[in-house]
């Protein structure tokens, strides 16, 4: 299956995506890692643009065709990217489960954004102003919503796995 994550920077996506990948024995596809690798290559003269997403779609598709569960960890801010992920799943003939990660406590969300350190060499994390002013389309009804404001990661993962089972059934 393809688990398609989305959510604003600092919401807890990567923490939850990593934990879910570990729990399911899945492949964690993190867009930040791909985009920073493209920047570090020196081959792109402009912003990474769609190149990172295109590489992620290809990498995810290859792994899905090998029978692996893929956890796609991206901000996934617009409906076009969300649909493109669903197409990756359709082409591979696997179910897609969408998960929006939020942090409903705005003070906590801001604290995370302003205090976290980049864990990818060369990556510059966005500022709080960049997070709250970025384009981020509302999700239509359907995705599993995970709120990271008040629960431990293990509790969130247990609830998420249970909800994923309900969606697939």
N, C-alpha and C. Protein backbone atom coordinates (compact mmCIF):
# COMPACT_ATOMS: atom_id res chain seq x y z
N UNK A 1 0.84 -1.18 0.00
CA UNK A 1 0.00 0.00 0.00
C UNK A 1 0.88 1.23 0.00
N UNK A 2 0.30 2.34 -0.41
CA UNK A 2 0.96 3.64 -0.38
C UNK A 2 0.26 4.49 0.67
N UNK A 3 1.01 4.94 1.67
CA UNK A 3 0.47 5.82 2.69
C UNK A 3 0.98 7.22 2.35
N UNK A 4 0.04 8.09 2.02
CA UNK A 4 0.36 9.43 1.53
C UNK A 4 0.18 10.43 2.67
N UNK A 5 1.28 10.93 3.19
CA UNK A 5 1.23 11.92 4.25
C UNK A 5 1.19 13.32 3.68
N UNK A 6 0.61 14.23 4.43
CA UNK A 6 0.62 15.64 4.12
C UNK A 6 0.46 16.41 5.41
N UNK A 7 0.86 17.66 5.39
CA UNK A 7 0.73 18.51 6.57
C UNK A 7 1.80 19.58 6.56
N UNK A 8 1.53 20.64 7.27
CA UNK A 8 2.46 21.76 7.31
C UNK A 8 3.78 21.37 7.96
N UNK A 9 4.86 22.06 7.60
CA UNK A 9 6.13 21.82 8.27
C UNK A 9 5.97 22.02 9.78
N UNK A 10 6.60 21.15 10.55
CA UNK A 10 6.54 21.23 11.99
C UNK A 10 5.34 20.57 12.63
N UNK A 11 4.46 19.99 11.82
CA UNK A 11 3.26 19.34 12.36
C UNK A 11 3.57 17.98 12.96
N UNK A 12 4.70 17.39 12.60
CA UNK A 12 5.07 16.07 13.10
C UNK A 12 5.05 14.98 12.06
N UNK A 13 4.94 15.35 10.78
CA UNK A 13 4.85 14.36 9.69
C UNK A 13 6.00 13.37 9.68
N UNK A 14 7.22 13.88 9.70
CA UNK A 14 8.37 13.00 9.58
C UNK A 14 8.48 12.08 10.78
N UNK A 15 8.23 12.58 11.96
CA UNK A 15 8.27 11.74 13.16
C UNK A 15 7.27 10.60 13.04
N UNK A 16 6.05 10.91 12.62
CA UNK A 16 5.01 9.90 12.50
C UNK A 16 5.30 8.97 11.32
N UNK A 17 5.73 9.54 10.19
CA UNK A 17 6.03 8.72 9.01
C UNK A 17 7.15 7.71 9.29
N UNK A 18 8.19 8.17 9.97
CA UNK A 18 9.29 7.26 10.31
C UNK A 18 8.81 6.13 11.22
N UNK A 19 8.05 6.51 12.24
CA UNK A 19 7.55 5.50 13.19
C UNK A 19 6.63 4.50 12.50
N UNK A 20 5.78 4.99 11.58
CA UNK A 20 4.89 4.09 10.85
C UNK A 20 5.68 3.17 9.93
N UNK A 21 6.68 3.71 9.23
CA UNK A 21 7.51 2.89 8.35
C UNK A 21 8.21 1.79 9.15
N UNK A 22 8.70 2.15 10.32
CA UNK A 22 9.35 1.15 11.17
C UNK A 22 8.35 0.08 11.61
N UNK A 23 7.17 0.51 12.03
CA UNK A 23 6.14 -0.42 12.51
C UNK A 23 5.70 -1.38 11.41
N UNK A 24 5.54 -0.85 10.18
CA UNK A 24 5.05 -1.67 9.07
C UNK A 24 6.16 -2.33 8.26
N UNK A 25 7.41 -1.99 8.56
CA UNK A 25 8.52 -2.50 7.75
C UNK A 25 8.48 -1.90 6.36
N UNK A 26 8.01 -0.66 6.27
CA UNK A 26 7.84 0.00 4.97
C UNK A 26 9.02 0.87 4.58
N UNK A 27 8.95 1.36 3.36
CA UNK A 27 9.96 2.26 2.81
C UNK A 27 9.51 3.69 3.09
N UNK A 28 10.38 4.47 3.71
CA UNK A 28 10.08 5.87 4.03
C UNK A 28 10.65 6.74 2.91
N UNK A 29 9.77 7.41 2.16
CA UNK A 29 10.18 8.29 1.07
C UNK A 29 9.96 9.73 1.54
N UNK A 30 11.04 10.40 1.89
CA UNK A 30 10.97 11.76 2.44
C UNK A 30 11.36 12.77 1.37
N UNK A 31 10.43 13.61 1.00
CA UNK A 31 10.68 14.60 -0.05
C UNK A 31 11.80 15.56 0.31
N UNK A 32 11.90 15.97 1.57
CA UNK A 32 12.98 16.89 1.97
C UNK A 32 14.35 16.31 1.64
N UNK A 33 14.53 15.01 1.84
CA UNK A 33 15.81 14.36 1.55
C UNK A 33 16.10 14.39 0.06
N UNK A 34 15.10 14.09 -0.75
CA UNK A 34 15.27 14.09 -2.20
C UNK A 34 15.57 15.50 -2.71
N UNK A 35 14.77 16.46 -2.26
CA UNK A 35 14.98 17.84 -2.73
C UNK A 35 16.36 18.38 -2.32
N UNK A 36 16.80 18.08 -1.10
CA UNK A 36 18.11 18.58 -0.68
C UNK A 36 19.22 17.90 -1.46
N UNK A 37 19.06 16.62 -1.77
CA UNK A 37 20.06 15.93 -2.59
C UNK A 37 20.15 16.57 -3.97
N UNK A 38 19.00 16.95 -4.54
CA UNK A 38 19.01 17.63 -5.84
C UNK A 38 19.73 18.98 -5.74
N UNK A 39 19.46 19.73 -4.68
CA UNK A 39 20.14 21.01 -4.48
C UNK A 39 21.65 20.79 -4.34
N UNK A 40 22.02 19.81 -3.51
CA UNK A 40 23.44 19.55 -3.25
C UNK A 40 24.18 19.08 -4.49
N UNK A 41 23.46 18.51 -5.46
CA UNK A 41 24.13 18.04 -6.68
C UNK A 41 24.70 19.18 -7.49
N UNK A 42 24.15 20.37 -7.32
CA UNK A 42 24.61 21.52 -8.10
C UNK A 42 24.12 21.51 -9.54
N UNK A 43 23.31 20.55 -9.90
CA UNK A 43 22.85 20.42 -11.28
C UNK A 43 21.68 21.34 -11.61
N UNK A 44 20.94 21.75 -10.60
CA UNK A 44 19.78 22.61 -10.85
C UNK A 44 20.18 24.06 -10.69
N UNK A 45 19.86 24.86 -11.68
CA UNK A 45 20.21 26.29 -11.65
C UNK A 45 19.15 27.11 -10.94
N UNK A 46 17.96 26.56 -10.79
CA UNK A 46 16.86 27.28 -10.15
C UNK A 46 16.34 26.44 -8.99
N UNK A 47 15.19 26.83 -8.47
CA UNK A 47 14.54 26.08 -7.40
C UNK A 47 14.27 24.66 -7.86
N UNK A 48 14.18 23.75 -6.93
CA UNK A 48 13.95 22.34 -7.24
C UNK A 48 12.63 22.15 -7.97
N UNK A 49 11.62 22.95 -7.62
CA UNK A 49 10.32 22.86 -8.29
C UNK A 49 9.73 21.47 -8.19
N UNK A 50 9.19 20.99 -9.29
CA UNK A 50 8.52 19.69 -9.32
C UNK A 50 9.48 18.50 -9.37
N UNK A 51 10.77 18.77 -9.57
CA UNK A 51 11.73 17.68 -9.74
C UNK A 51 11.75 16.73 -8.55
N UNK A 52 11.68 17.26 -7.35
CA UNK A 52 11.70 16.41 -6.16
C UNK A 52 10.50 15.49 -6.10
N UNK A 53 9.32 16.06 -6.36
CA UNK A 53 8.11 15.23 -6.36
C UNK A 53 8.18 14.16 -7.44
N UNK A 54 8.66 14.53 -8.63
CA UNK A 54 8.74 13.55 -9.71
C UNK A 54 9.67 12.40 -9.34
N UNK A 55 10.81 12.72 -8.73
CA UNK A 55 11.73 11.67 -8.29
C UNK A 55 11.08 10.80 -7.22
N UNK A 56 10.37 11.43 -6.29
CA UNK A 56 9.70 10.67 -5.22
C UNK A 56 8.63 9.74 -5.78
N UNK A 57 7.85 10.23 -6.74
CA UNK A 57 6.83 9.38 -7.36
C UNK A 57 7.47 8.15 -8.00
N UNK A 58 8.57 8.35 -8.71
CA UNK A 58 9.25 7.23 -9.36
C UNK A 58 9.81 6.23 -8.36
N UNK A 59 10.48 6.73 -7.33
CA UNK A 59 11.06 5.87 -6.30
C UNK A 59 9.96 5.09 -5.59
N UNK A 60 8.87 5.77 -5.24
CA UNK A 60 7.75 5.10 -4.57
C UNK A 60 7.15 4.04 -5.47
N UNK A 61 6.92 4.37 -6.74
CA UNK A 61 6.33 3.42 -7.67
C UNK A 61 7.16 2.16 -7.82
N UNK A 62 8.48 2.32 -7.94
CA UNK A 62 9.36 1.16 -8.04
C UNK A 62 9.23 0.25 -6.83
N UNK A 63 9.20 0.84 -5.64
CA UNK A 63 9.10 0.05 -4.42
C UNK A 63 7.74 -0.60 -4.25
N UNK A 64 6.68 0.10 -4.66
CA UNK A 64 5.34 -0.49 -4.62
C UNK A 64 5.25 -1.71 -5.52
N UNK A 65 5.86 -1.62 -6.70
CA UNK A 65 5.84 -2.75 -7.64
C UNK A 65 6.61 -3.95 -7.11
N UNK A 66 7.52 -3.71 -6.17
CA UNK A 66 8.26 -4.80 -5.53
C UNK A 66 7.49 -5.40 -4.35
N UNK A 67 6.29 -4.86 -4.11
CA UNK A 67 5.46 -5.38 -3.03
C UNK A 67 5.72 -4.73 -1.68
N UNK A 68 6.44 -3.64 -1.67
CA UNK A 68 6.75 -2.95 -0.42
C UNK A 68 5.68 -1.91 -0.10
N UNK A 69 5.44 -1.72 1.18
CA UNK A 69 4.61 -0.61 1.64
C UNK A 69 5.47 0.63 1.60
N UNK A 70 4.93 1.71 1.05
CA UNK A 70 5.67 2.96 0.95
C UNK A 70 4.95 4.03 1.76
N UNK A 71 5.73 4.75 2.55
CA UNK A 71 5.23 5.87 3.34
C UNK A 71 5.79 7.12 2.69
N UNK A 72 4.92 7.92 2.05
CA UNK A 72 5.33 9.15 1.36
C UNK A 72 5.21 10.33 2.33
N UNK A 73 6.33 10.93 2.65
CA UNK A 73 6.43 11.99 3.66
C UNK A 73 6.71 13.32 2.97
N UNK A 74 5.63 14.07 2.71
CA UNK A 74 5.74 15.35 2.03
C UNK A 74 4.74 16.33 2.62
N UNK A 75 4.99 17.63 2.42
CA UNK A 75 3.99 18.63 2.82
C UNK A 75 2.72 18.39 2.02
N UNK A 76 2.89 18.03 0.75
CA UNK A 76 1.75 17.68 -0.10
C UNK A 76 0.68 18.78 -0.04
N UNK A 77 1.07 20.02 -0.37
CA UNK A 77 0.22 21.16 -0.07
C UNK A 77 -0.95 21.41 -1.00
N UNK A 78 -0.90 20.84 -2.19
CA UNK A 78 -1.95 21.18 -3.16
C UNK A 78 -2.61 19.93 -3.72
N UNK A 79 -3.82 20.11 -4.21
CA UNK A 79 -4.59 18.96 -4.68
C UNK A 79 -3.90 18.24 -5.84
N UNK A 80 -3.12 18.94 -6.65
CA UNK A 80 -2.43 18.32 -7.79
C UNK A 80 -1.42 17.28 -7.31
N UNK A 81 -0.66 17.59 -6.27
CA UNK A 81 0.33 16.62 -5.78
C UNK A 81 -0.37 15.44 -5.11
N UNK A 82 -1.47 15.71 -4.44
CA UNK A 82 -2.21 14.62 -3.79
C UNK A 82 -2.77 13.65 -4.82
N UNK A 83 -3.29 14.20 -5.91
CA UNK A 83 -3.81 13.34 -6.98
C UNK A 83 -2.67 12.57 -7.65
N UNK A 84 -1.53 13.21 -7.82
CA UNK A 84 -0.39 12.52 -8.42
C UNK A 84 0.04 11.32 -7.57
N UNK A 85 0.01 11.46 -6.25
CA UNK A 85 0.32 10.32 -5.38
C UNK A 85 -0.70 9.21 -5.55
N UNK A 86 -1.97 9.58 -5.63
CA UNK A 86 -3.01 8.55 -5.83
C UNK A 86 -2.78 7.82 -7.15
N UNK A 87 -2.33 8.54 -8.18
CA UNK A 87 -2.04 7.91 -9.47
C UNK A 87 -0.87 6.93 -9.35
N UNK A 88 0.12 7.26 -8.54
CA UNK A 88 1.24 6.33 -8.31
C UNK A 88 0.70 5.01 -7.77
N UNK A 89 -0.21 5.09 -6.80
CA UNK A 89 -0.80 3.87 -6.23
C UNK A 89 -1.61 3.11 -7.28
N UNK A 90 -2.42 3.83 -8.04
CA UNK A 90 -3.24 3.16 -9.08
C UNK A 90 -2.35 2.44 -10.09
N UNK A 91 -1.29 3.10 -10.55
CA UNK A 91 -0.39 2.47 -11.53
C UNK A 91 0.26 1.21 -10.98
N UNK A 92 0.53 1.22 -9.68
CA UNK A 92 1.16 0.05 -9.05
C UNK A 92 0.13 -0.99 -8.64
N UNK A 93 -1.16 -0.65 -8.73
CA UNK A 93 -2.22 -1.59 -8.37
C UNK A 93 -2.33 -1.84 -6.87
N UNK A 94 -2.06 -0.80 -6.08
CA UNK A 94 -2.12 -0.94 -4.62
C UNK A 94 -3.06 0.11 -4.05
N UNK A 95 -3.58 -0.14 -2.84
CA UNK A 95 -4.43 0.86 -2.20
C UNK A 95 -3.60 2.07 -1.74
N UNK A 96 -4.25 3.23 -1.74
CA UNK A 96 -3.65 4.46 -1.23
C UNK A 96 -4.44 4.90 0.00
N UNK A 97 -3.72 5.22 1.05
CA UNK A 97 -4.34 5.76 2.26
C UNK A 97 -3.73 7.12 2.51
N UNK A 98 -4.59 8.13 2.62
CA UNK A 98 -4.12 9.50 2.83
C UNK A 98 -4.21 9.86 4.31
N UNK A 99 -3.14 10.51 4.79
CA UNK A 99 -3.06 10.90 6.19
C UNK A 99 -2.63 12.36 6.26
N UNK A 100 -3.48 13.19 6.85
CA UNK A 100 -3.09 14.58 7.08
C UNK A 100 -2.65 14.71 8.54
N UNK A 101 -1.44 15.22 8.73
CA UNK A 101 -0.89 15.42 10.07
C UNK A 101 -1.04 16.89 10.43
N UNK A 102 -1.66 17.12 11.59
CA UNK A 102 -1.84 18.49 12.08
C UNK A 102 -1.30 18.59 13.50
N UNK A 103 -1.04 19.81 13.91
CA UNK A 103 -0.75 20.11 15.31
C UNK A 103 -1.75 21.19 15.69
N UNK A 104 -2.82 20.80 16.37
CA UNK A 104 -3.92 21.72 16.67
C UNK A 104 -3.55 22.80 17.68
N UNK A 105 -2.48 22.60 18.42
CA UNK A 105 -2.01 23.60 19.38
C UNK A 105 -1.03 24.52 18.65
N UNK A 106 -1.49 25.71 18.27
CA UNK A 106 -0.67 26.62 17.45
C UNK A 106 0.59 27.08 18.19
N UNK A 107 0.51 27.22 19.51
CA UNK A 107 1.69 27.60 20.28
C UNK A 107 2.75 26.50 20.19
N UNK A 108 2.32 25.25 20.35
CA UNK A 108 3.22 24.12 20.24
C UNK A 108 3.77 23.99 18.82
N UNK A 109 2.91 24.16 17.83
CA UNK A 109 3.34 24.08 16.44
C UNK A 109 4.43 25.12 16.18
N UNK A 110 4.19 26.35 16.60
CA UNK A 110 5.18 27.42 16.40
C UNK A 110 6.49 27.09 17.12
N UNK A 111 6.39 26.59 18.35
CA UNK A 111 7.59 26.22 19.09
C UNK A 111 8.41 25.18 18.33
N UNK A 112 7.73 24.18 17.78
CA UNK A 112 8.43 23.15 17.00
C UNK A 112 9.15 23.75 15.81
N UNK A 113 8.44 24.59 15.07
CA UNK A 113 9.03 25.20 13.87
C UNK A 113 10.24 26.05 14.23
N UNK A 114 10.13 26.81 15.30
CA UNK A 114 11.18 27.76 15.65
C UNK A 114 12.37 27.13 16.37
N UNK A 115 12.22 25.92 16.90
CA UNK A 115 13.32 25.32 17.67
C UNK A 115 13.93 24.07 17.03
N UNK A 116 13.31 23.53 16.01
CA UNK A 116 13.86 22.29 15.46
C UNK A 116 15.12 22.56 14.65
N UNK A 117 15.99 21.57 14.68
CA UNK A 117 17.22 21.64 13.90
C UNK A 117 17.08 20.73 12.69
N UNK A 118 17.63 21.18 11.59
CA UNK A 118 17.58 20.38 10.36
C UNK A 118 18.37 19.09 10.58
N UNK A 119 17.80 17.97 10.14
CA UNK A 119 18.50 16.68 10.25
C UNK A 119 19.02 16.20 8.90
N UNK A 120 18.97 17.09 7.92
CA UNK A 120 19.51 16.81 6.59
C UNK A 120 20.54 17.88 6.30
N UNK A 121 21.76 17.46 6.00
CA UNK A 121 22.83 18.43 5.77
C UNK A 121 22.47 19.42 4.65
N UNK A 122 22.56 20.69 4.98
CA UNK A 122 22.29 21.75 4.01
C UNK A 122 20.85 22.23 3.99
N UNK A 123 19.94 21.49 4.59
CA UNK A 123 18.53 21.88 4.59
C UNK A 123 18.31 23.06 5.52
N UNK A 124 17.59 24.05 5.03
CA UNK A 124 17.21 25.20 5.84
C UNK A 124 15.72 25.06 6.12
N UNK A 125 15.38 24.92 7.39
CA UNK A 125 13.97 24.79 7.76
C UNK A 125 13.24 26.11 7.53
N UNK A 126 11.95 26.04 7.22
CA UNK A 126 11.18 27.27 7.03
C UNK A 126 10.96 28.01 8.36
N UNK A 127 10.75 29.30 8.25
CA UNK A 127 10.40 30.10 9.42
C UNK A 127 8.92 29.91 9.72
N UNK A 128 8.48 30.34 10.89
CA UNK A 128 7.07 30.27 11.24
C UNK A 128 6.24 31.07 10.24
N UNK A 129 6.72 32.25 9.87
CA UNK A 129 5.97 33.07 8.90
C UNK A 129 5.83 32.34 7.57
N UNK A 130 6.87 31.66 7.12
CA UNK A 130 6.79 30.89 5.88
C UNK A 130 5.80 29.73 6.00
N UNK A 131 5.72 29.13 7.17
CA UNK A 131 4.79 28.01 7.38
C UNK A 131 3.35 28.51 7.31
N UNK A 132 3.03 29.59 8.02
CA UNK A 132 1.64 30.03 8.11
C UNK A 132 1.16 30.79 6.87
N UNK A 133 2.08 31.25 6.02
CA UNK A 133 1.66 31.97 4.82
C UNK A 133 1.77 31.14 3.55
N UNK A 134 2.22 29.91 3.65
CA UNK A 134 2.39 29.09 2.44
C UNK A 134 1.03 28.65 1.90
N UNK A 135 1.00 28.33 0.64
CA UNK A 135 -0.21 27.79 0.02
C UNK A 135 -0.39 26.38 0.55
N UNK A 136 -1.59 26.11 1.07
CA UNK A 136 -1.91 24.78 1.58
C UNK A 136 -3.40 24.58 1.41
N UNK A 137 -3.77 23.83 0.36
CA UNK A 137 -5.18 23.59 0.06
C UNK A 137 -5.83 22.75 1.16
N UNK A 138 -7.10 23.03 1.43
CA UNK A 138 -7.87 22.19 2.34
C UNK A 138 -8.01 20.81 1.71
N UNK A 139 -8.01 19.79 2.55
CA UNK A 139 -8.22 18.44 2.08
C UNK A 139 -9.72 18.20 1.99
N UNK A 140 -10.15 17.51 0.97
CA UNK A 140 -11.57 17.13 0.93
C UNK A 140 -11.80 16.05 2.00
N UNK A 141 -13.04 15.75 2.31
CA UNK A 141 -13.29 14.68 3.29
C UNK A 141 -12.64 13.37 2.84
N UNK A 142 -12.14 12.64 3.79
CA UNK A 142 -11.60 11.33 3.45
C UNK A 142 -10.29 10.97 4.09
N UNK A 143 -9.31 11.90 4.16
CA UNK A 143 -8.04 11.44 4.75
C UNK A 143 -8.19 11.19 6.25
N UNK A 144 -7.34 10.33 6.74
CA UNK A 144 -7.23 10.14 8.19
C UNK A 144 -6.50 11.36 8.73
N UNK A 145 -7.04 12.00 9.74
CA UNK A 145 -6.40 13.16 10.34
C UNK A 145 -5.74 12.73 11.65
N UNK A 146 -4.46 13.05 11.76
CA UNK A 146 -3.68 12.72 12.94
C UNK A 146 -3.25 14.03 13.59
N UNK A 147 -3.62 14.22 14.86
CA UNK A 147 -3.25 15.42 15.60
C UNK A 147 -2.12 15.07 16.56
N UNK A 148 -0.98 15.71 16.36
CA UNK A 148 0.21 15.39 17.16
C UNK A 148 0.38 16.29 18.38
N UNK A 149 -0.61 17.13 18.66
CA UNK A 149 -0.46 18.13 19.72
C UNK A 149 -0.37 17.52 21.12
N UNK A 150 -1.10 16.48 21.40
CA UNK A 150 -1.24 16.04 22.80
C UNK A 150 -0.98 14.57 23.05
N UNK A 151 -0.54 13.82 22.05
CA UNK A 151 -0.36 12.38 22.25
C UNK A 151 1.07 11.98 21.95
N UNK A 152 1.49 10.89 22.58
CA UNK A 152 2.81 10.33 22.33
C UNK A 152 2.82 9.63 20.97
N UNK A 153 3.99 9.53 20.39
CA UNK A 153 4.14 8.92 19.07
C UNK A 153 3.59 7.49 19.05
N UNK A 154 3.92 6.69 20.04
CA UNK A 154 3.44 5.30 20.07
C UNK A 154 1.92 5.22 20.07
N UNK A 155 1.28 6.12 20.82
CA UNK A 155 -0.18 6.15 20.87
C UNK A 155 -0.76 6.56 19.51
N UNK A 156 -0.15 7.56 18.89
CA UNK A 156 -0.60 8.02 17.58
C UNK A 156 -0.47 6.89 16.55
N UNK A 157 0.65 6.18 16.58
CA UNK A 157 0.88 5.09 15.61
C UNK A 157 -0.13 3.97 15.82
N UNK A 158 -0.40 3.61 17.06
CA UNK A 158 -1.39 2.55 17.33
C UNK A 158 -2.75 2.94 16.78
N UNK A 159 -3.17 4.18 17.03
CA UNK A 159 -4.46 4.65 16.52
C UNK A 159 -4.47 4.73 15.00
N UNK A 160 -3.36 5.19 14.42
CA UNK A 160 -3.27 5.31 12.96
C UNK A 160 -3.35 3.94 12.30
N UNK A 161 -2.63 2.96 12.82
CA UNK A 161 -2.67 1.61 12.24
C UNK A 161 -4.10 1.04 12.31
N UNK A 162 -4.77 1.27 13.43
CA UNK A 162 -6.16 0.80 13.56
C UNK A 162 -7.07 1.49 12.54
N UNK A 163 -6.92 2.79 12.36
CA UNK A 163 -7.74 3.52 11.39
C UNK A 163 -7.42 3.07 9.97
N UNK A 164 -6.15 2.80 9.69
CA UNK A 164 -5.76 2.32 8.36
C UNK A 164 -6.41 0.98 8.07
N UNK A 165 -6.49 0.13 9.07
CA UNK A 165 -7.16 -1.17 8.90
C UNK A 165 -8.62 -1.00 8.58
N UNK A 166 -9.27 -0.03 9.20
CA UNK A 166 -10.70 0.24 8.94
C UNK A 166 -10.90 0.76 7.53
N UNK A 167 -9.99 1.63 7.08
CA UNK A 167 -10.11 2.21 5.72
C UNK A 167 -9.93 1.13 4.67
N UNK A 168 -8.98 0.22 4.89
CA UNK A 168 -8.70 -0.83 3.91
C UNK A 168 -9.79 -1.90 3.87
N UNK A 169 -10.52 -2.05 4.98
CA UNK A 169 -11.53 -3.12 5.07
C UNK A 169 -12.79 -2.82 4.28
